[in-house]
Amino acid sequence: MKTVDDTLDALGLLCPLPVLKARKRLKSLPVGATLTLLADDPAAVVDVPHFCTEAGHELLSQDHDGAHQVYVIRKGR
């Protein structure tokens, strides 16, 4: 079972806001912490994995919960 250290509700926000807010929140977390990101922006399906790869974070899971997506990100570097 994964430990979720923080949750970010980015529902209703459009690109690039979900990724920008996730980046800001991850900066405040220690390396190895996890962030659950809730988003309903269709572009997040592409943007969040790309952000994780570019920023050195690990995308632990990417799921749908009804009309929105749920991403669990482990902070890297």
Protein backbone atom coordinates (compact mmCIF):
# COMPACT_ATOMS: atom_id res chain seq x y z
CA MET A 1 0.00 0.00 0.00
CA LYS A 2 1.29 3.46 -0.94
CA THR A 3 1.53 6.24 1.61
CA VAL A 4 0.07 9.46 0.29
CA ASP A 5 1.75 12.44 1.88
CA ASP A 6 -0.31 15.15 0.19
CA THR A 7 -3.26 15.61 -2.15
CA LEU A 8 -3.73 18.38 -4.70
CA ASP A 9 -7.20 19.06 -6.10
CA ALA A 10 -6.70 20.61 -9.54
CA LEU A 11 -10.23 19.88 -10.74
CA GLY A 12 -11.59 22.59 -13.01
CA LEU A 13 -8.12 23.91 -13.88
CA LEU A 14 -6.93 23.88 -17.47
CA CYS A 15 -3.46 23.33 -18.93
CA PRO A 16 -0.87 24.19 -17.74
CA LEU A 17 -2.25 24.89 -14.23
CA PRO A 18 -2.50 21.28 -12.93
CA VAL A 19 1.18 20.66 -13.71
CA LEU A 20 2.30 24.08 -12.43
CA LYS A 21 0.46 23.57 -9.14
CA ALA A 22 1.84 20.02 -8.82
CA ARG A 23 5.37 21.31 -9.37
CA LYS A 24 4.91 23.96 -6.68
CA ARG A 25 3.42 21.47 -4.19
CA LEU A 26 6.16 18.89 -4.84
CA LYS A 27 8.82 21.52 -4.06
CA SER A 28 7.49 21.69 -0.50
CA LEU A 29 7.63 17.90 -0.01
CA PRO A 30 10.71 15.86 0.91
CA VAL A 31 12.32 13.53 -1.63
CA GLY A 32 10.44 10.22 -1.68
CA ALA A 33 7.12 11.76 -0.58
CA THR A 34 4.03 11.14 -2.68
CA LEU A 35 1.50 13.56 -4.09
CA THR A 36 -1.94 12.55 -5.30
CA LEU A 37 -3.09 14.90 -8.05
CA LEU A 38 -6.75 15.11 -9.07
CA ALA A 39 -7.34 16.65 -12.50
CA ASP A 40 -10.05 16.78 -15.11
CA ASP A 41 -8.16 18.63 -17.84
CA PRO A 42 -7.96 16.35 -20.90
CA ALA A 43 -4.38 17.54 -21.55
CA ALA A 44 -3.26 16.27 -18.13
CA VAL A 45 -3.16 12.72 -19.53
CA VAL A 46 -0.14 13.80 -21.58
CA ASP A 47 1.16 16.68 -19.46
CA VAL A 48 1.52 14.92 -16.09
CA PRO A 49 3.60 11.92 -17.30
CA HIS A 50 5.76 14.27 -19.39
CA PHE A 51 6.28 16.56 -16.38
CA CYS A 52 7.29 13.62 -14.18
CA THR A 53 9.83 12.37 -16.72
CA GLU A 54 11.32 15.81 -17.30
CA ALA A 55 11.45 16.76 -13.60
CA GLY A 56 12.83 13.44 -12.34
CA HIS A 57 9.71 12.34 -10.44
CA GLU A 58 8.18 8.86 -10.57
CA LEU A 59 4.59 8.48 -11.76
CA LEU A 60 3.40 5.63 -9.53
CA SER A 61 -0.11 5.40 -10.95
CA GLN A 62 -2.47 7.04 -13.40
CA ASP A 63 -6.15 6.14 -13.03
CA HIS A 64 -9.61 7.48 -13.80
CA ASP A 65 -12.22 8.04 -11.11
CA GLY A 66 -15.40 8.91 -12.96
CA ALA A 67 -14.92 12.14 -14.86
CA HIS A 68 -11.46 12.94 -13.50
CA GLN A 69 -7.98 11.47 -13.43
CA VAL A 70 -5.99 10.50 -10.32
CA TYR A 71 -2.19 10.60 -10.49
CA VAL A 72 0.15 9.46 -7.72
CA ILE A 73 3.60 10.99 -8.04
CA ARG A 74 6.69 10.17 -5.95
CA LYS A 75 9.02 13.11 -5.62
CA GLY A 76 12.48 12.54 -7.05
CA ARG A 77 15.55 14.72 -6.72
